[in-house]
Each structure stands twice: as C-alpha cells, then as structure tokens.
Amino acid sequence: MSSRLVEIFEDEELVMKIKKRLPYLFQLAELESSRAGKIGMEVGSLREKIIVALLIYKFGEENVETDIPITEPEVDVKLFGQPVSIKTITGRGFSGVKLI
C-alpha cells in the first residue's frame, strides 16, 4: 500500500497542484479554526478532510474508506483496505503532513 501512496509524488501534475493549492487550503482551515488570534485544535480535523479529499481525487472514492468510527485509534481513513493515520504539524518555520 505504501507504494500506492508514493504514486502521489510521482505524478508531476498532481505535485504541482499540491504545491500550489495545499498551502492555501491549509491557510483557510487555520482561518476557520481561529478565535482571538489563536488556532484551535479543530484545525487538525479540517486539514485531515483536505488530505482525504486529495486521496479520493487521486485513488477514487471506491478505494478510500472514510466511514471510520471516531473511536478507532490511529486510523483516520482506509486506503485500499489498509489503515492510514493522518497527522498535520504546524509551527513557526515548519509545517507538514505525516501519513502513517
């Protein structure tokens, strides 16, 4: 399954779309989650939805299972039947996405 995730980075057209749009979409998520100048914890859920939408765009709705119970530990989505955990990191000077 990890080789399937690598396909995202091998698709140059998709990489360019990600580089252009992902920072903007993450910024919108931060704006939606901000109160009194502070970013709330719910920003992680919004970013997760953005990443899941990317997976659906690349691999198709039939290969991305999103109906995962909130109580399921360390599983945010299933890709080709395999569990995937999505973590996003925000910080001064460094931000990122981690798929496990």
N, C-alpha and C. Protein backbone atom coordinates (compact mmCIF):
# COMPACT_ATOMS: atom_id res chain seq x y z
N MET A 1 0.82 -1.19 0.00
CA MET A 1 0.00 0.00 0.00
C MET A 1 0.86 1.25 0.00
N SER A 2 2.01 1.19 0.68
CA SER A 2 2.86 2.38 0.72
C SER A 2 3.33 2.76 -0.68
N SER A 3 3.48 1.76 -1.55
CA SER A 3 3.87 2.08 -2.93
C SER A 3 2.76 2.86 -3.63
N ARG A 4 1.52 2.64 -3.22
CA ARG A 4 0.40 3.39 -3.78
C ARG A 4 0.49 4.85 -3.37
N LEU A 5 0.86 5.11 -2.12
CA LEU A 5 1.00 6.50 -1.66
C LEU A 5 2.11 7.22 -2.41
N VAL A 6 3.15 6.49 -2.77
CA VAL A 6 4.28 7.08 -3.50
C VAL A 6 3.81 7.61 -4.85
N GLU A 7 2.76 7.02 -5.41
CA GLU A 7 2.22 7.47 -6.70
C GLU A 7 1.86 8.95 -6.67
N ILE A 8 1.44 9.45 -5.52
CA ILE A 8 1.09 10.87 -5.40
C ILE A 8 2.29 11.73 -5.77
N PHE A 9 3.46 11.33 -5.32
CA PHE A 9 4.66 12.14 -5.53
C PHE A 9 5.32 11.90 -6.88
N GLU A 10 4.92 10.82 -7.55
CA GLU A 10 5.47 10.52 -8.87
C GLU A 10 4.65 11.19 -9.98
N ASP A 11 3.45 11.62 -9.66
CA ASP A 11 2.57 12.29 -10.62
C ASP A 11 2.90 13.79 -10.60
N GLU A 12 3.74 14.22 -11.54
CA GLU A 12 4.24 15.60 -11.53
C GLU A 12 3.14 16.64 -11.62
N GLU A 13 2.10 16.35 -12.38
CA GLU A 13 0.98 17.30 -12.49
C GLU A 13 0.29 17.46 -11.14
N LEU A 14 0.09 16.34 -10.44
CA LEU A 14 -0.54 16.39 -9.12
C LEU A 14 0.36 17.09 -8.11
N VAL A 15 1.65 16.84 -8.18
CA VAL A 15 2.60 17.50 -7.27
C VAL A 15 2.51 19.01 -7.43
N MET A 16 2.42 19.48 -8.66
CA MET A 16 2.32 20.92 -8.90
C MET A 16 1.02 21.49 -8.32
N LYS A 17 -0.08 20.74 -8.47
CA LYS A 17 -1.36 21.17 -7.90
C LYS A 17 -1.27 21.24 -6.37
N ILE A 18 -0.62 20.24 -5.78
CA ILE A 18 -0.49 20.20 -4.33
C ILE A 18 0.34 21.38 -3.85
N LYS A 19 1.47 21.64 -4.51
CA LYS A 19 2.33 22.75 -4.11
C LYS A 19 1.61 24.08 -4.19
N LYS A 20 0.73 24.20 -5.18
CA LYS A 20 0.02 25.46 -5.38
C LYS A 20 -1.17 25.61 -4.42
N ARG A 21 -1.93 24.55 -4.25
CA ARG A 21 -3.22 24.67 -3.55
C ARG A 21 -3.21 24.27 -2.08
N LEU A 22 -2.35 23.31 -1.70
CA LEU A 22 -2.39 22.83 -0.32
C LEU A 22 -2.09 23.92 0.71
N PRO A 23 -1.08 24.75 0.51
CA PRO A 23 -0.84 25.82 1.49
C PRO A 23 -2.05 26.76 1.62
N TYR A 24 -2.69 27.07 0.51
CA TYR A 24 -3.88 27.93 0.55
C TYR A 24 -5.02 27.26 1.31
N LEU A 25 -5.25 25.98 1.03
CA LEU A 25 -6.33 25.26 1.71
C LEU A 25 -6.05 25.13 3.22
N PHE A 26 -4.78 24.89 3.57
CA PHE A 26 -4.42 24.82 4.99
C PHE A 26 -4.60 26.18 5.66
N GLN A 27 -4.30 27.25 4.93
CA GLN A 27 -4.49 28.60 5.48
C GLN A 27 -5.98 28.86 5.74
N LEU A 28 -6.83 28.43 4.81
CA LEU A 28 -8.28 28.56 5.02
C LEU A 28 -8.72 27.78 6.25
N ALA A 29 -8.18 26.59 6.43
CA ALA A 29 -8.51 25.77 7.61
C ALA A 29 -8.11 26.50 8.89
N GLU A 30 -6.94 27.15 8.87
CA GLU A 30 -6.50 27.90 10.04
C GLU A 30 -7.42 29.08 10.32
N LEU A 31 -7.84 29.77 9.27
CA LEU A 31 -8.76 30.90 9.46
C LEU A 31 -10.09 30.43 10.05
N GLU A 32 -10.57 29.29 9.57
CA GLU A 32 -11.83 28.74 10.07
C GLU A 32 -11.72 28.31 11.53
N SER A 33 -10.52 27.93 11.95
CA SER A 33 -10.32 27.40 13.30
C SER A 33 -9.78 28.43 14.28
N SER A 34 -9.67 29.67 13.85
CA SER A 34 -9.07 30.70 14.70
C SER A 34 -10.12 31.45 15.50
N ARG A 35 -9.72 31.74 16.73
CA ARG A 35 -10.51 32.59 17.61
C ARG A 35 -9.55 33.44 18.41
N ALA A 36 -9.79 34.72 18.41
CA ALA A 36 -8.95 35.67 19.16
C ALA A 36 -7.47 35.52 18.80
N GLY A 37 -7.21 35.25 17.52
CA GLY A 37 -5.83 35.16 17.05
C GLY A 37 -5.14 33.84 17.33
N LYS A 38 -5.84 32.88 17.91
CA LYS A 38 -5.27 31.57 18.23
C LYS A 38 -5.93 30.50 17.38
N ILE A 39 -5.12 29.56 16.91
CA ILE A 39 -5.64 28.46 16.10
C ILE A 39 -6.09 27.35 17.04
N GLY A 40 -7.35 26.92 16.86
CA GLY A 40 -7.91 25.87 17.69
C GLY A 40 -7.50 24.47 17.25
N MET A 41 -7.70 23.52 18.12
CA MET A 41 -7.31 22.14 17.84
C MET A 41 -8.09 21.53 16.67
N GLU A 42 -9.27 22.06 16.39
CA GLU A 42 -10.09 21.50 15.31
C GLU A 42 -9.46 21.70 13.93
N VAL A 43 -8.40 22.50 13.85
CA VAL A 43 -7.71 22.69 12.57
C VAL A 43 -7.21 21.35 12.04
N GLY A 44 -6.83 20.46 12.94
CA GLY A 44 -6.36 19.13 12.53
C GLY A 44 -7.42 18.36 11.78
N SER A 45 -8.66 18.43 12.25
CA SER A 45 -9.76 17.73 11.57
C SER A 45 -10.03 18.31 10.19
N LEU A 46 -9.97 19.64 10.09
CA LEU A 46 -10.18 20.27 8.79
C LEU A 46 -9.07 19.91 7.81
N ARG A 47 -7.84 19.91 8.28
CA ARG A 47 -6.72 19.54 7.41
C ARG A 47 -6.82 18.08 6.99
N GLU A 48 -7.26 17.24 7.93
CA GLU A 48 -7.45 15.82 7.62
C GLU A 48 -8.44 15.66 6.47
N LYS A 49 -9.52 16.41 6.51
CA LYS A 49 -10.52 16.36 5.44
C LYS A 49 -9.92 16.77 4.10
N ILE A 50 -9.02 17.75 4.12
CA ILE A 50 -8.37 18.20 2.89
C ILE A 50 -7.50 17.07 2.33
N ILE A 51 -6.75 16.39 3.19
CA ILE A 51 -5.88 15.29 2.75
C ILE A 51 -6.72 14.12 2.24
N VAL A 52 -7.83 13.81 2.92
CA VAL A 52 -8.72 12.74 2.47
C VAL A 52 -9.29 13.06 1.10
N ALA A 53 -9.66 14.32 0.88
CA ALA A 53 -10.17 14.73 -0.43
C ALA A 53 -9.10 14.52 -1.51
N LEU A 54 -7.85 14.79 -1.18
CA LEU A 54 -6.74 14.55 -2.12
C LEU A 54 -6.63 13.07 -2.44
N LEU A 55 -6.72 12.21 -1.41
CA LEU A 55 -6.65 10.77 -1.64
C LEU A 55 -7.79 10.28 -2.52
N ILE A 56 -8.98 10.81 -2.29
CA ILE A 56 -10.13 10.44 -3.13
C ILE A 56 -9.92 10.91 -4.56
N TYR A 57 -9.40 12.11 -4.72
CA TYR A 57 -9.12 12.66 -6.06
C TYR A 57 -8.14 11.76 -6.81
N LYS A 58 -7.08 11.32 -6.12
CA LYS A 58 -6.04 10.53 -6.77
C LYS A 58 -6.45 9.07 -6.98
N PHE A 59 -7.03 8.44 -5.96
CA PHE A 59 -7.26 7.00 -6.00
C PHE A 59 -8.71 6.58 -6.21
N GLY A 60 -9.63 7.52 -6.18
CA GLY A 60 -11.04 7.19 -6.41
C GLY A 60 -11.78 6.88 -5.12
N GLU A 61 -13.03 7.26 -5.12
CA GLU A 61 -13.87 7.09 -3.94
C GLU A 61 -14.00 5.63 -3.51
N GLU A 62 -13.96 4.73 -4.48
CA GLU A 62 -14.11 3.30 -4.18
C GLU A 62 -12.90 2.72 -3.45
N ASN A 63 -11.77 3.39 -3.48
CA ASN A 63 -10.55 2.89 -2.84
C ASN A 63 -10.21 3.60 -1.54
N VAL A 64 -11.01 4.59 -1.16
CA VAL A 64 -10.78 5.35 0.06
C VAL A 64 -12.00 5.21 0.96
N GLU A 65 -11.82 4.54 2.08
CA GLU A 65 -12.91 4.33 3.03
C GLU A 65 -12.83 5.39 4.12
N THR A 66 -13.86 6.21 4.20
CA THR A 66 -13.86 7.31 5.17
C THR A 66 -14.80 7.07 6.35
N ASP A 67 -15.57 6.01 6.29
CA ASP A 67 -16.56 5.72 7.32
C ASP A 67 -15.91 4.98 8.49
N ILE A 68 -14.95 5.63 9.12
CA ILE A 68 -14.20 5.04 10.23
C ILE A 68 -14.74 5.64 11.53
N PRO A 69 -15.07 4.80 12.53
CA PRO A 69 -15.56 5.35 13.80
C PRO A 69 -14.51 6.26 14.45
N ILE A 70 -14.98 7.33 15.06
CA ILE A 70 -14.10 8.30 15.72
C ILE A 70 -13.31 7.64 16.85
N THR A 71 -13.83 6.54 17.39
CA THR A 71 -13.17 5.84 18.49
C THR A 71 -12.04 4.93 18.01
N GLU A 72 -11.92 4.72 16.72
CA GLU A 72 -10.86 3.87 16.16
C GLU A 72 -9.51 4.55 16.36
N PRO A 73 -8.61 3.93 17.15
CA PRO A 73 -7.32 4.59 17.42
C PRO A 73 -6.38 4.55 16.21
N GLU A 74 -5.75 5.67 15.93
CA GLU A 74 -4.71 5.78 14.90
C GLU A 74 -5.15 5.40 13.49
N VAL A 75 -6.46 5.46 13.22
CA VAL A 75 -6.94 5.21 11.86
C VAL A 75 -7.88 6.35 11.50
N ASP A 76 -7.51 7.11 10.47
CA ASP A 76 -8.35 8.21 10.02
C ASP A 76 -9.09 7.86 8.75
N VAL A 77 -8.50 6.96 7.96
CA VAL A 77 -9.07 6.58 6.67
C VAL A 77 -8.44 5.25 6.28
N LYS A 78 -9.11 4.51 5.42
CA LYS A 78 -8.50 3.29 4.87
C LYS A 78 -8.31 3.48 3.38
N LEU A 79 -7.11 3.19 2.92
CA LEU A 79 -6.76 3.32 1.51
C LEU A 79 -6.47 1.91 0.99
N PHE A 80 -7.26 1.46 0.03
CA PHE A 80 -7.16 0.10 -0.49
C PHE A 80 -7.25 -0.91 0.65
N GLY A 81 -8.11 -0.63 1.64
CA GLY A 81 -8.34 -1.53 2.76
C GLY A 81 -7.31 -1.44 3.88
N GLN A 82 -6.27 -0.65 3.70
CA GLN A 82 -5.22 -0.53 4.70
C GLN A 82 -5.41 0.75 5.53
N PRO A 83 -5.25 0.66 6.86
CA PRO A 83 -5.44 1.84 7.71
C PRO A 83 -4.37 2.90 7.48
N VAL A 84 -4.79 4.16 7.48
CA VAL A 84 -3.88 5.29 7.34
C VAL A 84 -4.19 6.29 8.45
N SER A 85 -3.15 6.74 9.13
CA SER A 85 -3.27 7.78 10.14
C SER A 85 -2.71 9.07 9.55
N ILE A 86 -3.46 10.15 9.66
CA ILE A 86 -3.06 11.44 9.10
C ILE A 86 -2.76 12.39 10.26
N LYS A 87 -1.56 12.95 10.23
CA LYS A 87 -1.16 13.94 11.23
C LYS A 87 -0.67 15.18 10.49
N THR A 88 -1.06 16.34 10.96
CA THR A 88 -0.55 17.59 10.39
C THR A 88 0.19 18.34 11.48
N ILE A 89 1.23 19.03 11.07
CA ILE A 89 2.10 19.72 12.00
C ILE A 89 2.14 21.20 11.63
N THR A 90 1.95 22.05 12.62
CA THR A 90 2.05 23.48 12.39
C THR A 90 3.09 24.03 13.35
N GLY A 91 3.91 24.90 12.84
CA GLY A 91 4.89 25.53 13.70
C GLY A 91 5.52 26.69 12.97
N ARG A 92 6.21 27.49 13.72
CA ARG A 92 6.91 28.61 13.10
C ARG A 92 8.11 28.07 12.34
N GLY A 93 8.10 28.30 11.04
CA GLY A 93 9.21 27.87 10.21
C GLY A 93 9.06 26.47 9.66
N PHE A 94 8.17 25.65 10.25
CA PHE A 94 7.98 24.30 9.73
C PHE A 94 6.54 23.87 9.89
N SER A 95 6.00 23.37 8.82
CA SER A 95 4.67 22.74 8.82
C SER A 95 4.78 21.51 7.96
N GLY A 96 3.90 20.56 8.18
CA GLY A 96 3.99 19.36 7.35
C GLY A 96 2.82 18.43 7.55
N VAL A 97 2.84 17.35 6.78
CA VAL A 97 1.82 16.32 6.82
C VAL A 97 2.54 14.99 6.98
N LYS A 98 2.00 14.13 7.82
CA LYS A 98 2.58 12.82 8.05
C LYS A 98 1.50 11.79 7.85
N LEU A 99 1.72 10.84 6.95
CA LEU A 99 0.79 9.73 6.73
C LEU A 99 1.46 8.46 7.20
N ILE A 100 0.81 7.75 8.12
CA ILE A 100 1.36 6.52 8.66
C ILE A 100 0.47 5.38 8.22
